[in-house]
PDB file of N, CA and C in Angstrom:
ATOM      1  N   UNK A   1       9.929  40.788  -5.952  1.00  0.00           N
ATOM      2  CA  UNK A   1       8.689  41.463  -5.582  1.00  0.00           C
ATOM      3  C   UNK A   1       7.795  41.720  -6.801  1.00  0.00           C
ATOM      4  N   UNK A   2       8.338  41.485  -8.022  1.00  0.00           N
ATOM      5  CA  UNK A   2       7.540  41.736  -9.222  1.00  0.00           C
ATOM      6  C   UNK A   2       6.282  40.867  -9.266  1.00  0.00           C
ATOM      7  N   UNK A   3       6.342  39.684  -8.719  1.00  0.00           N
ATOM      8  CA  UNK A   3       5.227  38.742  -8.803  1.00  0.00           C
ATOM      9  C   UNK A   3       4.480  38.573  -7.482  1.00  0.00           C
ATOM     10  N   UNK A   4       4.794  39.367  -6.513  1.00  0.00           N
ATOM     11  CA  UNK A   4       4.199  39.223  -5.189  1.00  0.00           C
ATOM     12  C   UNK A   4       2.680  39.332  -5.225  1.00  0.00           C
ATOM     13  N   UNK A   5       2.154  40.337  -5.876  1.00  0.00           N
ATOM     14  CA  UNK A   5       0.701  40.511  -5.926  1.00  0.00           C
ATOM     15  C   UNK A   5       0.035  39.388  -6.722  1.00  0.00           C
ATOM     16  N   UNK A   6       0.678  38.924  -7.801  1.00  0.00           N
ATOM     17  CA  UNK A   6       0.127  37.810  -8.584  1.00  0.00           C
ATOM     18  C   UNK A   6       0.058  36.537  -7.741  1.00  0.00           C
ATOM     19  N   UNK A   7       1.098  36.298  -6.953  1.00  0.00           N
ATOM     20  CA  UNK A   7       1.134  35.107  -6.108  1.00  0.00           C
ATOM     21  C   UNK A   7       0.052  35.190  -5.042  1.00  0.00           C
ATOM     22  N   UNK A   8      -0.134  36.348  -4.449  1.00  0.00           N
ATOM     23  CA  UNK A   8      -1.171  36.523  -3.428  1.00  0.00           C
ATOM     24  C   UNK A   8      -2.568  36.360  -4.032  1.00  0.00           C
ATOM     25  N   UNK A   9      -2.782  36.837  -5.236  1.00  0.00           N
ATOM     26  CA  UNK A   9      -4.080  36.672  -5.911  1.00  0.00           C
ATOM     27  C   UNK A   9      -4.342  35.195  -6.196  1.00  0.00           C
ATOM     28  N   UNK A  10      -3.316  34.444  -6.595  1.00  0.00           N
ATOM     29  CA  UNK A  10      -3.467  33.008  -6.839  1.00  0.00           C
ATOM     30  C   UNK A  10      -3.797  32.273  -5.536  1.00  0.00           C
ATOM     31  N   UNK A  11      -3.180  32.685  -4.460  1.00  0.00           N
ATOM     32  CA  UNK A  11      -3.457  32.080  -3.152  1.00  0.00           C
ATOM     33  C   UNK A  11      -4.920  32.288  -2.757  1.00  0.00           C
ATOM     34  N   UNK A  12      -5.403  33.505  -2.897  1.00  0.00           N
ATOM     35  CA  UNK A  12      -6.784  33.825  -2.536  1.00  0.00           C
ATOM     36  C   UNK A  12      -7.764  33.079  -3.444  1.00  0.00           C
ATOM     37  N   UNK A  13      -7.441  32.975  -4.753  1.00  0.00           N
ATOM     38  CA  UNK A  13      -8.333  32.314  -5.712  1.00  0.00           C
ATOM     39  C   UNK A  13      -8.129  30.797  -5.757  1.00  0.00           C
ATOM     40  N   UNK A  14      -7.170  30.284  -4.976  1.00  0.00           N
ATOM     41  CA  UNK A  14      -6.831  28.859  -4.962  1.00  0.00           C
ATOM     42  C   UNK A  14      -6.548  28.337  -6.369  1.00  0.00           C
ATOM     43  N   UNK A  15      -5.650  29.018  -7.058  1.00  0.00           N
ATOM     44  CA  UNK A  15      -5.232  28.618  -8.402  1.00  0.00           C
ATOM     45  C   UNK A  15      -3.768  28.231  -8.381  1.00  0.00           C
ATOM     46  N   UNK A  16      -3.332  27.549  -9.422  1.00  0.00           N
ATOM     47  CA  UNK A  16      -1.928  27.152  -9.528  1.00  0.00           C
ATOM     48  C   UNK A  16      -1.551  26.208  -8.406  1.00  0.00           C
ATOM     49  N   UNK A  17      -0.389  26.434  -7.813  1.00  0.00           N
ATOM     50  CA  UNK A  17       0.061  25.542  -6.735  1.00  0.00           C
ATOM     51  C   UNK A  17      -0.803  25.659  -5.489  1.00  0.00           C
ATOM     52  N   UNK A  18      -1.623  26.686  -5.412  1.00  0.00           N
ATOM     53  CA  UNK A  18      -2.516  26.868  -4.264  1.00  0.00           C
ATOM     54  C   UNK A  18      -3.867  26.183  -4.486  1.00  0.00           C
ATOM     55  N   UNK A  19      -4.043  25.554  -5.649  1.00  0.00           N
ATOM     56  CA  UNK A  19      -5.322  24.964  -6.005  1.00  0.00           C
ATOM     57  C   UNK A  19      -5.535  23.537  -5.544  1.00  0.00           C
ATOM     58  N   UNK A  20      -4.596  22.975  -4.832  1.00  0.00           N
ATOM     59  CA  UNK A  20      -4.765  21.606  -4.347  1.00  0.00           C
ATOM     60  C   UNK A  20      -4.087  21.457  -2.999  1.00  0.00           C
ATOM     61  N   UNK A  21      -4.485  20.426  -2.272  1.00  0.00           N
ATOM     62  CA  UNK A  21      -3.921  20.182  -0.942  1.00  0.00           C
ATOM     63  C   UNK A  21      -2.746  19.225  -1.057  1.00  0.00           C
ATOM     64  N   UNK A  22      -1.689  19.520  -0.382  1.00  0.00           N
ATOM     65  CA  UNK A  22      -0.534  18.633  -0.347  1.00  0.00           C
ATOM     66  C   UNK A  22      -0.681  17.645   0.793  1.00  0.00           C
ATOM     67  N   UNK A  23      -0.154  16.462   0.582  1.00  0.00           N
ATOM     68  CA  UNK A  23      -0.168  15.448   1.619  1.00  0.00           C
ATOM     69  C   UNK A  23       1.146  15.543   2.388  1.00  0.00           C
ATOM     70  N   UNK A  24       1.050  15.550   3.691  1.00  0.00           N
ATOM     71  CA  UNK A  24       2.264  15.657   4.489  1.00  0.00           C
ATOM     72  C   UNK A  24       3.097  14.385   4.343  1.00  0.00           C
ATOM     73  N   UNK A  25       4.425  14.483   4.482  1.00  0.00           N
ATOM     74  CA  UNK A  25       5.267  13.289   4.402  1.00  0.00           C
ATOM     75  C   UNK A  25       4.878  12.220   5.422  1.00  0.00           C
ATOM     76  N   UNK A  26       4.478  12.627   6.610  1.00  0.00           N
ATOM     77  CA  UNK A  26       4.079  11.646   7.627  1.00  0.00           C
ATOM     78  C   UNK A  26       2.823  10.899   7.187  1.00  0.00           C
ATOM     79  N   UNK A  27       1.859  11.601   6.612  1.00  0.00           N
ATOM     80  CA  UNK A  27       0.627  10.958   6.130  1.00  0.00           C
ATOM     81  C   UNK A  27       0.937  10.017   4.970  1.00  0.00           C
ATOM     82  N   UNK A  28       1.820  10.432   4.070  1.00  0.00           N
ATOM     83  CA  UNK A  28       2.218   9.587   2.945  1.00  0.00           C
ATOM     84  C   UNK A  28       2.853   8.290   3.450  1.00  0.00           C
ATOM     85  N   UNK A  29       3.767   8.392   4.399  1.00  0.00           N
ATOM     86  CA  UNK A  29       4.417   7.190   4.941  1.00  0.00           C
ATOM     87  C   UNK A  29       3.396   6.269   5.588  1.00  0.00           C
ATOM     88  N   UNK A  30       2.411   6.837   6.275  1.00  0.00           N
ATOM     89  CA  UNK A  30       1.371   6.033   6.913  1.00  0.00           C
ATOM     90  C   UNK A  30       0.563   5.271   5.868  1.00  0.00           C
ATOM     91  N   UNK A  31       0.177   5.925   4.792  1.00  0.00           N
ATOM     92  CA  UNK A  31      -0.626   5.247   3.773  1.00  0.00           C
ATOM     93  C   UNK A  31       0.190   4.207   3.021  1.00  0.00           C
ATOM     94  N   UNK A  32       1.497   4.389   2.922  1.00  0.00           N
ATOM     95  CA  UNK A  32       2.335   3.413   2.235  1.00  0.00           C
ATOM     96  C   UNK A  32       2.553   2.160   3.076  1.00  0.00           C
ATOM     97  N   UNK A  33       2.378   2.252   4.384  1.00  0.00           N
ATOM     98  CA  UNK A  33       2.620   1.088   5.232  1.00  0.00           C
ATOM     99  C   UNK A  33       1.342   0.348   5.597  1.00  0.00           C
ATOM    100  N   UNK A  34       0.170   0.879   5.258  1.00  0.00           N
ATOM    101  CA  UNK A  34      -1.073   0.191   5.584  1.00  0.00           C
ATOM    102  C   UNK A  34      -1.092  -1.184   4.923  1.00  0.00           C
ATOM    103  N   UNK A  35      -1.545  -2.166   5.645  1.00  0.00           N
ATOM    104  CA  UNK A  35      -1.642  -3.510   5.110  1.00  0.00           C
ATOM    105  C   UNK A  35      -0.354  -4.305   5.168  1.00  0.00           C
ATOM    106  N   UNK A  36       0.673  -3.758   5.793  1.00  0.00           N
ATOM    107  CA  UNK A  36       1.948  -4.455   5.860  1.00  0.00           C
ATOM    108  C   UNK A  36       2.186  -5.141   7.194  1.00  0.00           C
ATOM    109  N   UNK A  37       1.390  -4.828   8.184  1.00  0.00           N
ATOM    110  CA  UNK A  37       1.517  -5.457   9.492  1.00  0.00           C
ATOM    111  C   UNK A  37       0.335  -6.387   9.711  1.00  0.00           C
ATOM    112  N   UNK A  38       0.638  -7.621  10.077  1.00  0.00           N
ATOM    113  CA  UNK A  38      -0.404  -8.626  10.271  1.00  0.00           C
ATOM    114  C   UNK A  38      -1.311  -8.250  11.439  1.00  0.00           C
ATOM    115  N   UNK A  39      -2.631  -8.343  11.248  1.00  0.00           N
ATOM    116  CA  UNK A  39      -3.536  -8.056  12.356  1.00  0.00           C
ATOM    117  C   UNK A  39      -3.419  -9.100  13.463  1.00  0.00           C
ATOM    118  N   UNK A  40      -3.067 -10.328  13.098  1.00  0.00           N
ATOM    119  CA  UNK A  40      -2.851 -11.406  14.058  1.00  0.00           C
ATOM    120  C   UNK A  40      -1.378 -11.803  13.965  1.00  0.00           C
ATOM    121  N   UNK A  41      -0.592 -11.653  15.022  1.00  0.00           N
ATOM    122  CA  UNK A  41       0.845 -11.961  14.944  1.00  0.00           C
ATOM    123  C   UNK A  41       1.156 -13.406  14.564  1.00  0.00           C
ATOM    124  N   UNK A  42       0.190 -14.309  14.728  1.00  0.00           N
ATOM    125  CA  UNK A  42       0.404 -15.708  14.358  1.00  0.00           C
ATOM    126  C   UNK A  42       0.199 -15.943  12.861  1.00  0.00           C
ATOM    127  N   UNK A  43      -0.482 -15.041  12.197  1.00  0.00           N
ATOM    128  CA  UNK A  43      -0.816 -15.197  10.767  1.00  0.00           C
ATOM    129  C   UNK A  43      -0.071 -14.139   9.961  1.00  0.00           C
ATOM    130  N   UNK A  44       1.169 -14.452   9.584  1.00  0.00           N
ATOM    131  CA  UNK A  44       2.028 -13.451   8.954  1.00  0.00           C
ATOM    132  C   UNK A  44       2.277 -13.715   7.474  1.00  0.00           C
ATOM    133  N   UNK A  45       1.597 -14.654   6.862  1.00  0.00           N
ATOM    134  CA  UNK A  45       1.779 -14.947   5.444  1.00  0.00           C
ATOM    135  C   UNK A  45       0.831 -14.045   4.652  1.00  0.00           C
ATOM    136  N   UNK A  46       1.392 -13.325   3.677  1.00  0.00           N
ATOM    137  CA  UNK A  46       0.612 -12.348   2.923  1.00  0.00           C
ATOM    138  C   UNK A  46       0.099 -12.965   1.625  1.00  0.00           C
ATOM    139  N   UNK A  47      -1.208 -12.947   1.447  1.00  0.00           N
ATOM    140  CA  UNK A  47      -1.826 -13.408   0.212  1.00  0.00           C
ATOM    141  C   UNK A  47      -2.127 -12.214  -0.666  1.00  0.00           C
ATOM    142  N   UNK A  48      -1.340 -12.052  -1.719  1.00  0.00           N
ATOM    143  CA  UNK A  48      -1.387 -10.882  -2.586  1.00  0.00           C
ATOM    144  C   UNK A  48      -1.928 -11.275  -3.955  1.00  0.00           C
ATOM    145  N   UNK A  49      -2.662 -10.377  -4.614  1.00  0.00           N
ATOM    146  CA  UNK A  49      -3.129 -10.602  -5.978  1.00  0.00           C
ATOM    147  C   UNK A  49      -2.380  -9.624  -6.873  1.00  0.00           C
ATOM    148  N   UNK A  50      -1.630 -10.164  -7.863  1.00  0.00           N
ATOM    149  CA  UNK A  50      -0.827  -9.281  -8.715  1.00  0.00           C
ATOM    150  C   UNK A  50      -1.675  -8.660  -9.821  1.00  0.00           C
ATOM    151  N   UNK A  51      -1.057  -7.846 -10.670  1.00  0.00           N
ATOM    152  CA  UNK A  51      -1.766  -7.116 -11.721  1.00  0.00           C
ATOM    153  C   UNK A  51      -2.429  -8.051 -12.731  1.00  0.00           C
ATOM    154  N   UNK A  52      -1.892  -9.256 -12.895  1.00  0.00           N
ATOM    155  CA  UNK A  52      -2.464 -10.215 -13.833  1.00  0.00           C
ATOM    156  C   UNK A  52      -3.560 -11.069 -13.187  1.00  0.00           C
ATOM    157  N   UNK A  53      -3.805 -10.879 -11.903  1.00  0.00           N
ATOM    158  CA  UNK A  53      -4.833 -11.616 -11.195  1.00  0.00           C
ATOM    159  C   UNK A  53      -4.353 -12.897 -10.533  1.00  0.00           C
ATOM    160  N   UNK A  54      -3.038 -13.167 -10.589  1.00  0.00           N
ATOM    161  CA  UNK A  54      -2.494 -14.365  -9.951  1.00  0.00           C
ATOM    162  C   UNK A  54      -2.500 -14.188  -8.435  1.00  0.00           C
ATOM    163  N   UNK A  55      -2.884 -15.238  -7.733  1.00  0.00           N
ATOM    164  CA  UNK A  55      -2.924 -15.223  -6.273  1.00  0.00           C
ATOM    165  C   UNK A  55      -1.617 -15.813  -5.755  1.00  0.00           C
ATOM    166  N   UNK A  56      -0.819 -14.973  -5.108  1.00  0.00           N
ATOM    167  CA  UNK A  56       0.529 -15.341  -4.676  1.00  0.00           C
ATOM    168  C   UNK A  56       0.661 -15.090  -3.182  1.00  0.00           C
ATOM    169  N   UNK A  57       1.267 -16.029  -2.469  1.00  0.00           N
ATOM    170  CA  UNK A  57       1.509 -15.772  -1.043  1.00  0.00           C
ATOM    171  C   UNK A  57       2.992 -15.555  -0.793  1.00  0.00           C
ATOM    172  N   UNK A  58       3.287 -14.659   0.139  1.00  0.00           N
ATOM    173  CA  UNK A  58       4.647 -14.260   0.487  1.00  0.00           C
ATOM    174  C   UNK A  58       4.922 -14.637   1.941  1.00  0.00           C
ATOM    175  N   UNK A  59       6.035 -15.308   2.140  1.00  0.00           N
ATOM    176  CA  UNK A  59       6.454 -15.723   3.476  1.00  0.00           C
ATOM    177  C   UNK A  59       7.390 -14.669   4.071  1.00  0.00           C
ATOM    178  N   UNK A  60       7.387 -14.486   5.390  1.00  0.00           N
ATOM    179  CA  UNK A  60       8.348 -13.565   6.009  1.00  0.00           C
ATOM    180  C   UNK A  60       9.776 -13.943   5.612  1.00  0.00           C
ATOM    181  N   UNK A  61      10.553 -12.936   5.254  1.00  0.00           N
ATOM    182  CA  UNK A  61      11.942 -13.156   4.857  1.00  0.00           C
ATOM    183  C   UNK A  61      12.147 -13.242   3.360  1.00  0.00           C
ATOM    184  N   UNK A  62      11.072 -13.397   2.581  1.00  0.00           N
ATOM    185  CA  UNK A  62      11.225 -13.437   1.136  1.00  0.00           C
ATOM    186  C   UNK A  62      11.505 -12.039   0.593  1.00  0.00           C
ATOM    187  N   UNK A  63      11.975 -11.986  -0.651  1.00  0.00           N
ATOM    188  CA  UNK A  63      12.448 -10.736  -1.255  1.00  0.00           C
ATOM    189  C   UNK A  63      11.423  -9.597  -1.215  1.00  0.00           C
ATOM    190  N   UNK A  64      10.183  -9.852  -1.571  1.00  0.00           N
ATOM    191  CA  UNK A  64       9.193  -8.779  -1.669  1.00  0.00           C
ATOM    192  C   UNK A  64       8.226  -8.729  -0.481  1.00  0.00           C
ATOM    193  N   UNK A  65       8.509  -9.484   0.565  1.00  0.00           N
ATOM    194  CA  UNK A  65       7.591  -9.545   1.706  1.00  0.00           C
ATOM    195  C   UNK A  65       7.350  -8.169   2.328  1.00  0.00           C
ATOM    196  N   UNK A  66       8.409  -7.448   2.626  1.00  0.00           N
ATOM    197  CA  UNK A  66       8.270  -6.155   3.313  1.00  0.00           C
ATOM    198  C   UNK A  66       7.532  -5.122   2.470  1.00  0.00           C
ATOM    199  N   UNK A  67       7.687  -5.162   1.145  1.00  0.00           N
ATOM    200  CA  UNK A  67       7.041  -4.170   0.278  1.00  0.00           C
ATOM    201  C   UNK A  67       5.591  -4.506  -0.036  1.00  0.00           C
ATOM    202  N   UNK A  68       5.191  -5.728   0.216  1.00  0.00           N
ATOM    203  CA  UNK A  68       3.849  -6.165  -0.141  1.00  0.00           C
ATOM    204  C   UNK A  68       2.849  -5.730   0.920  1.00  0.00           C
ATOM    205  N   UNK A  69       1.800  -5.040   0.468  1.00  0.00           N
ATOM    206  CA  UNK A  69       0.717  -4.633   1.349  1.00  0.00           C
ATOM    207  C   UNK A  69      -0.524  -5.464   1.043  1.00  0.00           C
ATOM    208  N   UNK A  70      -1.373  -5.658   2.012  1.00  0.00           N
ATOM    209  CA  UNK A  70      -2.580  -6.446   1.847  1.00  0.00           C
ATOM    210  C   UNK A  70      -3.785  -5.511   1.822  1.00  0.00           C
ATOM    211  N   UNK A  71      -4.569  -5.636   0.759  1.00  0.00           N
ATOM    212  CA  UNK A  71      -5.777  -4.824   0.610  1.00  0.00           C
ATOM    213  C   UNK A  71      -6.983  -5.755   0.551  1.00  0.00           C
ATOM    214  N   UNK A  72      -7.646  -5.965   1.681  1.00  0.00           N
ATOM    215  CA  UNK A  72      -8.786  -6.893   1.716  1.00  0.00           C
ATOM    216  C   UNK A  72      -9.889  -6.543   0.720  1.00  0.00           C
ATOM    217  N   UNK A  73     -10.059  -5.262   0.423  1.00  0.00           N
ATOM    218  CA  UNK A  73     -11.109  -4.865  -0.523  1.00  0.00           C
ATOM    219  C   UNK A  73     -10.856  -5.402  -1.927  1.00  0.00           C
ATOM    220  N   UNK A  74      -9.599  -5.781  -2.218  1.00  0.00           N
ATOM    221  CA  UNK A  74      -9.252  -6.377  -3.513  1.00  0.00           C
ATOM    222  C   UNK A  74      -9.270  -7.904  -3.459  1.00  0.00           C
ATOM    223  N   UNK A  75      -9.586  -8.476  -2.299  1.00  0.00           N
ATOM    224  CA  UNK A  75      -9.600  -9.923  -2.160  1.00  0.00           C
ATOM    225  C   UNK A  75      -8.324 -10.490  -1.576  1.00  0.00           C
ATOM    226  N   UNK A  76      -7.379  -9.628  -1.227  1.00  0.00           N
ATOM    227  CA  UNK A  76      -6.120 -10.084  -0.628  1.00  0.00           C
ATOM    228  C   UNK A  76      -6.358 -10.410   0.839  1.00  0.00           C
ATOM    229  N   UNK A  77      -5.508 -11.298   1.384  1.00  0.00           N
ATOM    230  CA  UNK A  77      -5.732 -11.716   2.764  1.00  0.00           C
ATOM    231  C   UNK A  77      -4.465 -12.225   3.425  1.00  0.00           C
ATOM    232  N   UNK A  78      -4.564 -12.476   4.713  1.00  0.00           N
ATOM    233  CA  UNK A  78      -3.483 -13.033   5.525  1.00  0.00           C
ATOM    234  C   UNK A  78      -3.742 -14.519   5.742  1.00  0.00           C
ATOM    235  N   UNK A  79      -2.661 -15.296   5.811  1.00  0.00           N
ATOM    236  CA  UNK A  79      -2.760 -16.726   6.093  1.00  0.00           C
ATOM    237  C   UNK A  79      -1.917 -17.063   7.313  1.00  0.00           C
ATOM    238  N   UNK A  80      -2.335 -18.132   8.009  1.00  0.00           N
ATOM    239  CA  UNK A  80      -1.604 -18.575   9.201  1.00  0.00           C
ATOM    240  C   UNK A  80      -0.611 -19.686   8.886  1.00  0.00           C
ATOM    241  N   UNK A  81      -0.762 -20.339   7.727  1.00  0.00           N
ATOM    242  CA  UNK A  81       0.174 -21.405   7.355  1.00  0.00           C
ATOM    243  C   UNK A  81       0.235 -21.513   5.829  1.00  0.00           C
ATOM    244  N   UNK A  82       1.325 -22.108   5.353  1.00  0.00           N
ATOM    245  CA  UNK A  82       1.446 -22.337   3.911  1.00  0.00           C
ATOM    246  C   UNK A  82       0.363 -23.286   3.431  1.00  0.00           C
ATOM    247  N   UNK A  83       0.066 -24.291   4.232  1.00  0.00           N
ATOM    248  CA  UNK A  83      -0.972 -25.263   3.855  1.00  0.00           C
ATOM    249  C   UNK A  83      -2.321 -24.563   3.665  1.00  0.00           C
ATOM    250  N   UNK A  84      -2.628 -23.628   4.527  1.00  0.00           N
ATOM    251  CA  UNK A  84      -3.876 -22.880   4.414  1.00  0.00           C
ATOM    252  C   UNK A  84      -3.886 -22.061   3.121  1.00  0.00           C
ATOM    253  N   UNK A  85      -2.762 -21.420   2.801  1.00  0.00           N
ATOM    254  CA  UNK A  85      -2.671 -20.616   1.576  1.00  0.00           C
ATOM    255  C   UNK A  85      -2.847 -21.495   0.340  1.00  0.00           C
ATOM    256  N   UNK A  86      -2.150 -22.629   0.303  1.00  0.00           N
ATOM    257  CA  UNK A  86      -2.254 -23.546  -0.848  1.00  0.00           C
ATOM    258  C   UNK A  86      -3.659 -24.120  -0.973  1.00  0.00           C
ATOM    259  N   UNK A  87      -4.256 -24.492   0.141  1.00  0.00           N
ATOM    260  CA  UNK A  87      -5.612 -25.047   0.112  1.00  0.00           C
ATOM    261  C   UNK A  87      -6.633 -24.018  -0.381  1.00  0.00           C
ATOM    262  N   UNK A  88      -6.318 -22.743  -0.216  1.00  0.00           N
ATOM    263  CA  UNK A  88      -7.206 -21.672  -0.677  1.00  0.00           C
ATOM    264  C   UNK A  88      -6.953 -21.302  -2.130  1.00  0.00           C
ATOM    265  N   UNK A  89      -5.985 -21.964  -2.769  1.00  0.00           N
ATOM    266  CA  UNK A  89      -5.726 -21.733  -4.184  1.00  0.00           C
ATOM    267  C   UNK A  89      -4.649 -20.712  -4.510  1.00  0.00           C
ATOM    268  N   UNK A  90      -3.795 -20.400  -3.544  1.00  0.00           N
ATOM    269  CA  UNK A  90      -2.727 -19.434  -3.756  1.00  0.00           C
ATOM    270  C   UNK A  90      -1.429 -20.192  -4.000  1.00  0.00           C
ATOM    271  N   UNK A  91      -0.518 -19.610  -4.766  1.00  0.00           N
ATOM    272  CA  UNK A  91       0.787 -20.230  -5.019  1.00  0.00           C
ATOM    273  C   UNK A  91       1.871 -19.446  -4.306  1.00  0.00           C
ATOM    274  N   UNK A  92       2.991 -20.121  -4.056  1.00  0.00           N
ATOM    275  CA  UNK A  92       4.124 -19.473  -3.380  1.00  0.00           C
ATOM    276  C   UNK A  92       4.788 -18.461  -4.304  1.00  0.00           C
ATOM    277  N   UNK A  93       5.307 -17.395  -3.729  1.00  0.00           N
ATOM    278  CA  UNK A  93       6.097 -16.429  -4.493  1.00  0.00           C
ATOM    279  C   UNK A  93       7.384 -17.092  -4.954  1.00  0.00           C
ATOM    280  N   UNK A  94       7.856 -16.723  -6.118  1.00  0.00           N
ATOM    281  CA  UNK A  94       9.068 -17.347  -6.655  1.00  0.00           C
ATOM    282  C   UNK A  94      10.336 -16.822  -6.024  1.00  0.00           C
ATOM    283  N   UNK A  95      10.284 -15.623  -5.464  1.00  0.00           N
ATOM    284  CA  UNK A  95      11.483 -15.042  -4.833  1.00  0.00           C
ATOM    285  C   UNK A  95      11.231 -14.744  -3.390  1.00  0.00           C
TER     286      UNK A  95
END
């Protein structure tokens, strides 16, 4: 109880741990899965751009397929076939 009034004052002033909004676990999980489900079930090949700018496509079943998210605002996209991905200038993932 020694710090009760201090904690209540921080809450009212929105300082310390009360100074920012926490993201709920459900919201966090939702944001982590965005871009992982193909908008078209026929086009499930993920065209990802890595940190070095390399354009890499991931096929279902490959090692990093499930963890890879697609962010169209960064130029990443979905492909319907390997031929389409290669013709667009993307290379296959090594794993």
